[in-house]
Amino acid sequence: MAIITYQSRQIHCDAILWDKDGTLLDFMQLWGKWAELLLGHMENYLHERGDSFTGSREKVMGTIYDHSGRLVGYDPRGPIAIASAPETVAILSWQLYSAGVPWDEAVQHITDFSRQAMEHMEQSRPVQPLPDLVPLLDSCRQAEVPMAVVTSDYTSEAIKHLRWSGLETYFTEIIGSDQVATGKPAPDLALLACQRLGVLPERTVLIGDSNADMQMGRHAGLDCCIGISPTAGVSGHLPDADIVIEHYGELQMLSMR
């Protein structure tokens, strides 16, 4: 058992569950480039057909652009932040279907476009841990607190990204949405992680960056759901969090062993 301290609050925990993207890894570094590549493939394909996106480019996945068209952010409540991999394929395939592409062909095109984007990512490996994360993970390891990753990504992709970043060895379990019947905000991922770690949900803490993470934790009966929102003052998308932090320097880990 260990204690996480936040300001004057002390949170007893037997384990910590972590979301991956936007929580462990810088979201825009990894998925911003992927989204740009994928949307570019889609846009070119639609243009060749004499079509365009249904609605604005921003609303396809929840990407945000400045006045010059440069990608600068994402909607933490949008598909790019919350949707599982199968949901993302469905959302993007619908864009092609609405332009007249048969559904089976649309799904195949999106699968191919995503593969091409991921092949580019394999070369550049754009992963970066969030600031102050590694010292906190080190203190968790020293306190012998078991930790698991629970992500909407596929397990194989999550393992790969954590390996690229050098974070893989901190976690006893890495669990993707492909291992459960229902992804976030359902409790399945969190409950499976607790089961594998051999801990009670009511003695477990969750850290994530989306409200789907917070809802998953609440539905699973976790003791405390901590939201991270690195942009100062922008935490309205985390109404179900027990605590919202801007950076990991705000948390301290104390061992009770």
C-alpha atoms as a PDB file:
ATOM      1  CA  MET A   1       0.000   0.000   0.000  1.00  0.00           C
ATOM      2  CA  ALA A   2       1.097   3.553  -0.699  1.00  0.00           C
ATOM      3  CA  ILE A   3      -0.249   7.068  -0.352  1.00  0.00           C
ATOM      4  CA  ILE A   4      -0.592   9.603  -3.152  1.00  0.00           C
ATOM      5  CA  THR A   5      -0.557  13.133  -1.839  1.00  0.00           C
ATOM      6  CA  TYR A   6      -2.172  16.057  -3.635  1.00  0.00           C
ATOM      7  CA  GLN A   7      -2.022  19.369  -1.788  1.00  0.00           C
ATOM      8  CA  SER A   8      -3.402  18.473   1.653  1.00  0.00           C
ATOM      9  CA  ARG A   9      -5.232  15.363   0.471  1.00  0.00           C
ATOM     10  CA  GLN A  10      -3.910  11.832   1.017  1.00  0.00           C
ATOM     11  CA  ILE A  11      -5.153   8.960  -1.153  1.00  0.00           C
ATOM     12  CA  HIS A  12      -4.403   5.406  -0.021  1.00  0.00           C
ATOM     13  CA  CYS A  13      -3.943   3.027  -2.932  1.00  0.00           C
ATOM     14  CA  ASP A  14      -2.899  -0.541  -3.651  1.00  0.00           C
ATOM     15  CA  ALA A  15      -2.558   0.013  -7.410  1.00  0.00           C
ATOM     16  CA  ILE A  16      -2.698   2.688 -10.108  1.00  0.00           C
ATOM     17  CA  LEU A  17      -4.354   2.404 -13.520  1.00  0.00           C
ATOM     18  CA  TRP A  18      -3.179   4.738 -16.266  1.00  0.00           C
ATOM     19  CA  ASP A  19      -4.676   5.786 -19.571  1.00  0.00           C
ATOM     20  CA  LYS A  20      -2.029   5.981 -22.312  1.00  0.00           C
ATOM     21  CA  ASP A  21      -2.526   8.791 -24.828  1.00  0.00           C
ATOM     22  CA  GLY A  22      -2.609  12.243 -23.277  1.00  0.00           C
ATOM     23  CA  THR A  23      -1.864  10.719 -19.871  1.00  0.00           C
ATOM     24  CA  LEU A  24       1.466   8.939 -20.276  1.00  0.00           C
ATOM     25  CA  LEU A  25       2.357  10.122 -23.773  1.00  0.00           C
ATOM     26  CA  ASP A  26       2.005  13.559 -25.357  1.00  0.00           C
ATOM     27  CA  PHE A  27      -1.179  13.203 -27.388  1.00  0.00           C
ATOM     28  CA  MET A  28      -0.375  15.603 -30.215  1.00  0.00           C
ATOM     29  CA  GLN A  29       3.122  14.257 -30.746  1.00  0.00           C
ATOM     30  CA  LEU A  30       1.741  10.815 -31.475  1.00  0.00           C
ATOM     31  CA  TRP A  31      -1.779  11.165 -32.796  1.00  0.00           C
ATOM     32  CA  GLY A  32      -1.615  14.651 -34.285  1.00  0.00           C
ATOM     33  CA  LYS A  33       0.716  13.502 -37.062  1.00  0.00           C
ATOM     34  CA  TRP A  34      -1.246  10.289 -37.551  1.00  0.00           C
ATOM     35  CA  ALA A  35      -4.499  12.245 -37.925  1.00  0.00           C
ATOM     36  CA  GLU A  36      -2.954  14.655 -40.415  1.00  0.00           C
ATOM     37  CA  LEU A  37      -1.624  11.819 -42.559  1.00  0.00           C
ATOM     38  CA  LEU A  38      -4.876   9.875 -42.433  1.00  0.00           C
ATOM     39  CA  LEU A  39      -7.101  12.880 -43.120  1.00  0.00           C
ATOM     40  CA  GLY A  40      -4.771  13.852 -45.968  1.00  0.00           C
ATOM     41  CA  HIS A  41      -5.195  10.424 -47.589  1.00  0.00           C
ATOM     42  CA  MET A  42      -8.962  10.686 -47.194  1.00  0.00           C
ATOM     43  CA  GLU A  43      -9.095  14.217 -48.559  1.00  0.00           C
ATOM     44  CA  ASN A  44      -7.062  13.281 -51.641  1.00  0.00           C
ATOM     45  CA  TYR A  45      -9.241  10.248 -52.296  1.00  0.00           C
ATOM     46  CA  LEU A  46     -12.445  12.254 -51.956  1.00  0.00           C
ATOM     47  CA  HIS A  47     -11.047  15.030 -54.174  1.00  0.00           C
ATOM     48  CA  GLU A  48     -10.284  12.501 -56.919  1.00  0.00           C
ATOM     49  CA  ARG A  49     -13.951  11.477 -56.754  1.00  0.00           C
ATOM     50  CA  GLY A  50     -15.090  15.090 -56.884  1.00  0.00           C
ATOM     51  CA  ASP A  51     -16.238  14.989 -53.273  1.00  0.00           C
ATOM     52  CA  SER A  52     -15.215  16.401 -49.896  1.00  0.00           C
ATOM     53  CA  PHE A  53     -15.759  15.741 -46.216  1.00  0.00           C
ATOM     54  CA  THR A  54     -19.307  15.876 -44.921  1.00  0.00           C
ATOM     55  CA  GLY A  55     -19.037  18.912 -42.670  1.00  0.00           C
ATOM     56  CA  SER A  56     -15.791  20.627 -41.724  1.00  0.00           C
ATOM     57  CA  ARG A  57     -12.410  18.898 -41.538  1.00  0.00           C
ATOM     58  CA  GLU A  58     -12.272  19.706 -37.818  1.00  0.00           C
ATOM     59  CA  LYS A  59     -15.416  17.721 -37.101  1.00  0.00           C
ATOM     60  CA  VAL A  60     -14.256  14.530 -38.820  1.00  0.00           C
ATOM     61  CA  MET A  61     -12.125  13.503 -35.824  1.00  0.00           C
ATOM     62  CA  GLY A  62     -12.015  16.502 -33.517  1.00  0.00           C
ATOM     63  CA  THR A  63      -8.792  18.152 -34.680  1.00  0.00           C
ATOM     64  CA  ILE A  64      -8.229  21.893 -34.214  1.00  0.00           C
ATOM     65  CA  TYR A  65      -6.463  24.200 -36.687  1.00  0.00           C
ATOM     66  CA  ASP A  66      -5.243  27.789 -36.577  1.00  0.00           C
ATOM     67  CA  HIS A  67      -6.097  30.449 -39.151  1.00  0.00           C
ATOM     68  CA  SER A  68      -3.324  29.205 -41.459  1.00  0.00           C
ATOM     69  CA  GLY A  69      -4.628  25.627 -41.428  1.00  0.00           C
ATOM     70  CA  ARG A  70      -1.894  24.276 -39.141  1.00  0.00           C
ATOM     71  CA  LEU A  71      -2.921  21.554 -36.697  1.00  0.00           C
ATOM     72  CA  VAL A  72      -2.616  23.007 -33.195  1.00  0.00           C
ATOM     73  CA  GLY A  73      -4.774  20.887 -30.926  1.00  0.00           C
ATOM     74  CA  TYR A  74      -7.642  18.485 -30.463  1.00  0.00           C
ATOM     75  CA  ASP A  75     -11.034  18.323 -28.810  1.00  0.00           C
ATOM     76  CA  PRO A  76     -10.632  16.231 -25.616  1.00  0.00           C
ATOM     77  CA  ARG A  77     -14.303  15.321 -25.978  1.00  0.00           C
ATOM     78  CA  GLY A  78     -13.961  14.305 -29.632  1.00  0.00           C
ATOM     79  CA  PRO A  79     -13.429  10.990 -31.430  1.00  0.00           C
ATOM     80  CA  ILE A  80      -9.672  11.395 -31.762  1.00  0.00           C
ATOM     81  CA  ALA A  81      -9.382  11.542 -27.979  1.00  0.00           C
ATOM     82  CA  ILE A  82     -12.013   9.040 -26.888  1.00  0.00           C
ATOM     83  CA  ALA A  83     -13.056   6.672 -29.684  1.00  0.00           C
ATOM     84  CA  SER A  84     -11.727   3.122 -29.742  1.00  0.00           C
ATOM     85  CA  ALA A  85      -9.899   1.869 -32.828  1.00  0.00           C
ATOM     86  CA  PRO A  86     -12.998   0.102 -34.268  1.00  0.00           C
ATOM     87  CA  GLU A  87     -15.118   3.183 -33.571  1.00  0.00           C
ATOM     88  CA  THR A  88     -12.583   5.359 -35.387  1.00  0.00           C
ATOM     89  CA  VAL A  89     -12.683   3.094 -38.437  1.00  0.00           C
ATOM     90  CA  ALA A  90     -16.482   3.297 -38.446  1.00  0.00           C
ATOM     91  CA  ILE A  91     -16.528   7.086 -38.066  1.00  0.00           C
ATOM     92  CA  LEU A  92     -14.083   7.618 -40.917  1.00  0.00           C
ATOM     93  CA  SER A  93     -15.655   4.962 -43.154  1.00  0.00           C
ATOM     94  CA  TRP A  94     -18.945   6.813 -42.831  1.00  0.00           C
ATOM     95  CA  GLN A  95     -17.318   9.862 -44.415  1.00  0.00           C
ATOM     96  CA  LEU A  96     -16.518   7.824 -47.517  1.00  0.00           C
ATOM     97  CA  TYR A  97     -19.890   6.064 -47.502  1.00  0.00           C
ATOM     98  CA  SER A  98     -21.693   9.410 -47.361  1.00  0.00           C
ATOM     99  CA  ALA A  99     -19.741  10.357 -50.507  1.00  0.00           C
ATOM    100  CA  GLY A 100     -21.089   7.313 -52.340  1.00  0.00           C
ATOM    101  CA  VAL A 101     -18.429   4.675 -51.623  1.00  0.00           C
ATOM    102  CA  PRO A 102     -19.913   1.216 -50.827  1.00  0.00           C
ATOM    103  CA  TRP A 103     -19.507   0.439 -47.115  1.00  0.00           C
ATOM    104  CA  ASP A 104     -17.198  -2.545 -47.534  1.00  0.00           C
ATOM    105  CA  GLU A 105     -14.936  -0.554 -49.858  1.00  0.00           C
ATOM    106  CA  ALA A 106     -15.023   2.428 -47.498  1.00  0.00           C
ATOM    107  CA  VAL A 107     -13.882   0.286 -44.564  1.00  0.00           C
ATOM    108  CA  GLN A 108     -11.072  -1.208 -46.668  1.00  0.00           C
ATOM    109  CA  HIS A 109      -9.907   2.234 -47.813  1.00  0.00           C
ATOM    110  CA  ILE A 110      -9.819   3.564 -44.247  1.00  0.00           C
ATOM    111  CA  THR A 111      -7.945   0.458 -43.098  1.00  0.00           C
ATOM    112  CA  ASP A 112      -5.387   0.998 -45.867  1.00  0.00           C
ATOM    113  CA  PHE A 113      -5.055   4.733 -45.164  1.00  0.00           C
ATOM    114  CA  SER A 114      -4.550   4.058 -41.460  1.00  0.00           C
ATOM    115  CA  ARG A 115      -1.930   1.412 -42.223  1.00  0.00           C
ATOM    116  CA  GLN A 116      -0.043   3.849 -44.446  1.00  0.00           C
ATOM    117  CA  ALA A 117      -0.141   6.488 -41.724  1.00  0.00           C
ATOM    118  CA  MET A 118       1.092   3.993 -39.131  1.00  0.00           C
ATOM    119  CA  GLU A 119       3.929   2.889 -41.419  1.00  0.00           C
ATOM    120  CA  HIS A 120       5.103   6.499 -41.457  1.00  0.00           C
ATOM    121  CA  MET A 121       4.844   6.571 -37.667  1.00  0.00           C
ATOM    122  CA  GLU A 122       6.956   3.425 -37.448  1.00  0.00           C
ATOM    123  CA  GLN A 123       9.774   5.383 -39.043  1.00  0.00           C
ATOM    124  CA  SER A 124       9.504   8.573 -36.977  1.00  0.00           C
ATOM    125  CA  ARG A 125       8.326   7.048 -33.657  1.00  0.00           C
ATOM    126  CA  PRO A 126       6.826  10.343 -32.415  1.00  0.00           C
ATOM    127  CA  VAL A 127       6.363   9.498 -28.746  1.00  0.00           C
ATOM    128  CA  GLN A 128       7.190  11.714 -25.792  1.00  0.00           C
ATOM    129  CA  PRO A 129       6.322  11.125 -22.113  1.00  0.00           C
ATOM    130  CA  LEU A 130       4.527  13.981 -20.400  1.00  0.00           C
ATOM    131  CA  PRO A 131       6.658  16.336 -18.267  1.00  0.00           C
ATOM    132  CA  ASP A 132       7.403  15.134 -14.708  1.00  0.00           C
ATOM    133  CA  LEU A 133       5.932  11.712 -15.498  1.00  0.00           C
ATOM    134  CA  VAL A 134       9.068   9.580 -15.242  1.00  0.00           C
ATOM    135  CA  PRO A 135      10.027  10.774 -11.717  1.00  0.00           C
ATOM    136  CA  LEU A 136       6.495   9.921 -10.559  1.00  0.00           C
ATOM    137  CA  LEU A 137       6.666   6.482 -12.179  1.00  0.00           C
ATOM    138  CA  ASP A 138      10.038   5.931 -10.520  1.00  0.00           C
ATOM    139  CA  SER A 139       8.582   6.782  -7.120  1.00  0.00           C
ATOM    140  CA  CYS A 140       5.682   4.397  -7.759  1.00  0.00           C
ATOM    141  CA  ARG A 141       8.135   1.661  -8.623  1.00  0.00           C
ATOM    142  CA  GLN A 142      10.158   2.361  -5.481  1.00  0.00           C
ATOM    143  CA  ALA A 143       6.946   2.147  -3.443  1.00  0.00           C
ATOM    144  CA  GLU A 144       6.226  -1.206  -5.148  1.00  0.00           C
ATOM    145  CA  VAL A 145       2.805  -0.073  -6.314  1.00  0.00           C
ATOM    146  CA  PRO A 146       1.562  -2.319  -9.146  1.00  0.00           C
ATOM    147  CA  MET A 147       0.472  -0.381 -12.225  1.00  0.00           C
ATOM    148  CA  ALA A 148      -1.466  -1.157 -15.392  1.00  0.00           C
ATOM    149  CA  VAL A 149      -2.261   0.719 -18.591  1.00  0.00           C
ATOM    150  CA  VAL A 150      -5.914   0.716 -19.709  1.00  0.00           C
ATOM    151  CA  THR A 151      -6.328   2.205 -23.170  1.00  0.00           C
ATOM    152  CA  SER A 152      -8.835   2.505 -26.004  1.00  0.00           C
ATOM    153  CA  ASP A 153      -6.000   1.610 -28.366  1.00  0.00           C
ATOM    154  CA  TYR A 154      -5.301  -1.977 -29.410  1.00  0.00           C
ATOM    155  CA  THR A 155      -3.052  -3.822 -26.971  1.00  0.00           C
ATOM    156  CA  SER A 156      -0.332  -4.489 -29.559  1.00  0.00           C
ATOM    157  CA  GLU A 157      -0.182  -0.811 -30.518  1.00  0.00           C
ATOM    158  CA  ALA A 158      -0.113   0.283 -26.880  1.00  0.00           C
ATOM    159  CA  ILE A 159       2.787  -2.050 -26.107  1.00  0.00           C
ATOM    160  CA  LYS A 160       4.646  -0.733 -29.135  1.00  0.00           C
ATOM    161  CA  HIS A 161       4.161   2.923 -28.209  1.00  0.00           C
ATOM    162  CA  LEU A 162       5.213   2.337 -24.603  1.00  0.00           C
ATOM    163  CA  ARG A 163       8.254   0.420 -25.807  1.00  0.00           C
ATOM    164  CA  TRP A 164       9.216   3.305 -28.104  1.00  0.00           C
ATOM    165  CA  SER A 165       8.967   5.702 -25.173  1.00  0.00           C
ATOM    166  CA  GLY A 166      10.896   3.459 -22.764  1.00  0.00           C
ATOM    167  CA  LEU A 167       7.931   3.251 -20.374  1.00  0.00           C
ATOM    168  CA  GLU A 168       6.847  -0.345 -20.953  1.00  0.00           C
ATOM    169  CA  THR A 169       8.732  -1.872 -18.027  1.00  0.00           C
ATOM    170  CA  TYR A 170       6.913   0.265 -15.441  1.00  0.00           C
ATOM    171  CA  PHE A 171       3.657  -1.629 -15.984  1.00  0.00           C
ATOM    172  CA  THR A 172       2.622  -5.100 -14.902  1.00  0.00           C
ATOM    173  CA  GLU A 173      -0.291  -5.143 -17.366  1.00  0.00           C
ATOM    174  CA  ILE A 174      -1.012  -3.307 -20.613  1.00  0.00           C
ATOM    175  CA  ILE A 175      -4.657  -3.797 -21.575  1.00  0.00           C
ATOM    176  CA  GLY A 176      -6.235  -2.510 -24.783  1.00  0.00           C
ATOM    177  CA  SER A 177      -9.868  -2.294 -25.821  1.00  0.00           C
ATOM    178  CA  ASP A 178      -9.483  -5.492 -27.853  1.00  0.00           C
ATOM    179  CA  GLN A 179      -9.342  -7.457 -24.586  1.00  0.00           C
ATOM    180  CA  VAL A 180     -12.796  -6.457 -23.318  1.00  0.00           C
ATOM    181  CA  ALA A 181     -16.357  -6.636 -24.582  1.00  0.00           C
ATOM    182  CA  THR A 182     -17.050  -2.935 -24.049  1.00  0.00           C
ATOM    183  CA  GLY A 183     -14.522  -0.094 -23.990  1.00  0.00           C
ATOM    184  CA  LYS A 184     -14.554   3.198 -22.103  1.00  0.00           C
ATOM    185  CA  PRO A 185     -16.605   4.608 -20.434  1.00  0.00           C
ATOM    186  CA  ALA A 186     -17.790   1.117 -19.432  1.00  0.00           C
ATOM    187  CA  PRO A 187     -15.918  -0.345 -16.440  1.00  0.00           C
ATOM    188  CA  ASP A 188     -14.594  -3.444 -18.251  1.00  0.00           C
ATOM    189  CA  LEU A 189     -10.997  -2.284 -18.757  1.00  0.00           C
ATOM    190  CA  ALA A 190     -10.598  -1.098 -15.177  1.00  0.00           C
ATOM    191  CA  LEU A 191     -12.163  -4.211 -13.672  1.00  0.00           C
ATOM    192  CA  LEU A 192     -10.012  -6.507 -15.805  1.00  0.00           C
ATOM    193  CA  ALA A 193      -6.888  -4.590 -14.763  1.00  0.00           C
ATOM    194  CA  CYS A 194      -7.794  -4.857 -11.071  1.00  0.00           C
ATOM    195  CA  GLN A 195      -8.427  -8.572 -11.479  1.00  0.00           C
ATOM    196  CA  ARG A 196      -5.066  -9.158 -13.128  1.00  0.00           C
ATOM    197  CA  LEU A 197      -3.216  -7.020 -10.586  1.00  0.00           C
ATOM    198  CA  GLY A 198      -4.991  -8.837  -7.744  1.00  0.00           C
ATOM    199  CA  VAL A 199      -6.324  -5.651  -6.136  1.00  0.00           C
ATOM    200  CA  LEU A 200      -9.736  -4.395  -5.071  1.00  0.00           C
ATOM    201  CA  PRO A 201     -11.255  -1.606  -7.217  1.00  0.00           C
ATOM    202  CA  GLU A 202     -12.029   0.394  -4.074  1.00  0.00           C
ATOM    203  CA  ARG A 203      -8.289   0.424  -3.288  1.00  0.00           C
ATOM    204  CA  THR A 204      -7.271   1.515  -6.786  1.00  0.00           C
ATOM    205  CA  VAL A 205      -6.552   4.930  -8.318  1.00  0.00           C
ATOM    206  CA  LEU A 206      -7.061   5.892 -11.959  1.00  0.00           C
ATOM    207  CA  ILE A 207      -5.212   8.613 -13.852  1.00  0.00           C
ATOM    208  CA  GLY A 208      -6.504   9.762 -17.244  1.00  0.00           C
ATOM    209  CA  ASP A 209      -7.065  12.774 -19.460  1.00  0.00           C
ATOM    210  CA  SER A 210     -10.628  12.268 -20.721  1.00  0.00           C
ATOM    211  CA  ASN A 211     -13.975  12.170 -18.995  1.00  0.00           C
ATOM    212  CA  ALA A 212     -14.498   8.710 -20.469  1.00  0.00           C
ATOM    213  CA  ASP A 213     -11.569   7.651 -18.256  1.00  0.00           C
ATOM    214  CA  MET A 214     -13.205   9.251 -15.233  1.00  0.00           C
ATOM    215  CA  GLN A 215     -16.564   7.629 -15.972  1.00  0.00           C
ATOM    216  CA  MET A 216     -14.895   4.244 -16.417  1.00  0.00           C
ATOM    217  CA  GLY A 217     -13.291   4.612 -13.022  1.00  0.00           C
ATOM    218  CA  ARG A 218     -16.545   5.638 -11.358  1.00  0.00           C
ATOM    219  CA  HIS A 219     -18.481   2.776 -12.982  1.00  0.00           C
ATOM    220  CA  ALA A 220     -15.803   0.342 -11.793  1.00  0.00           C
ATOM    221  CA  GLY A 221     -15.996   1.643  -8.221  1.00  0.00           C
ATOM    222  CA  LEU A 222     -12.403   2.888  -8.103  1.00  0.00           C
ATOM    223  CA  ASP A 223     -11.375   4.899  -5.058  1.00  0.00           C
ATOM    224  CA  CYS A 224     -10.145   8.018  -6.833  1.00  0.00           C
ATOM    225  CA  CYS A 225     -10.147   9.272 -10.426  1.00  0.00           C
ATOM    226  CA  ILE A 226      -7.432  11.838 -11.179  1.00  0.00           C
ATOM    227  CA  GLY A 227      -7.714  13.857 -14.378  1.00  0.00           C
ATOM    228  CA  ILE A 228      -4.744  15.538 -16.012  1.00  0.00           C
ATOM    229  CA  SER A 229      -5.305  18.654 -18.104  1.00  0.00           C
ATOM    230  CA  PRO A 230      -1.926  20.206 -19.018  1.00  0.00           C
ATOM    231  CA  THR A 231      -3.463  23.393 -20.442  1.00  0.00           C
ATOM    232  CA  ALA A 232      -3.898  25.750 -17.510  1.00  0.00           C
ATOM    233  CA  GLY A 233      -7.511  26.418 -16.702  1.00  0.00           C
ATOM    234  CA  VAL A 234      -8.899  23.994 -19.296  1.00  0.00           C
ATOM    235  CA  SER A 235     -10.448  21.206 -17.256  1.00  0.00           C
ATOM    236  CA  GLY A 236     -14.161  21.581 -17.985  1.00  0.00           C
ATOM    237  CA  HIS A 237     -14.073  18.370 -19.998  1.00  0.00           C
ATOM    238  CA  LEU A 238     -13.374  16.390 -16.788  1.00  0.00           C
ATOM    239  CA  PRO A 239     -16.550  16.893 -14.723  1.00  0.00           C
ATOM    240  CA  ASP A 240     -16.382  13.389 -13.229  1.00  0.00           C
ATOM    241  CA  ALA A 241     -12.811  13.675 -11.936  1.00  0.00           C
ATOM    242  CA  ASP A 242     -12.212  13.690  -8.197  1.00  0.00           C
ATOM    243  CA  ILE A 243      -9.032  15.719  -8.706  1.00  0.00           C
ATOM    244  CA  VAL A 244      -7.720  17.633 -11.737  1.00  0.00           C
ATOM    245  CA  ILE A 245      -4.002  18.355 -12.059  1.00  0.00           C
ATOM    246  CA  GLU A 246      -2.055  20.311 -14.654  1.00  0.00           C
ATOM    247  CA  HIS A 247       1.227  18.400 -14.297  1.00  0.00           C
ATOM    248  CA  TYR A 248       2.614  15.398 -12.444  1.00  0.00           C
ATOM    249  CA  GLY A 249       4.735  17.530 -10.150  1.00  0.00           C
ATOM    250  CA  GLU A 250       1.529  18.109  -8.191  1.00  0.00           C
ATOM    251  CA  LEU A 251       1.434  14.463  -7.082  1.00  0.00           C
ATOM    252  CA  GLN A 252       3.765  12.793  -4.578  1.00  0.00           C
ATOM    253  CA  MET A 253       4.024   9.098  -3.792  1.00  0.00           C
ATOM    254  CA  LEU A 254       4.705   7.924  -0.247  1.00  0.00           C
ATOM    255  CA  SER A 255       5.451   4.283   0.506  1.00  0.00           C
ATOM    256  CA  MET A 256       3.773   2.662   3.534  1.00  0.00           C
ATOM    257  CA  ARG A 257       6.012  -0.411   3.456  1.00  0.00           C
END
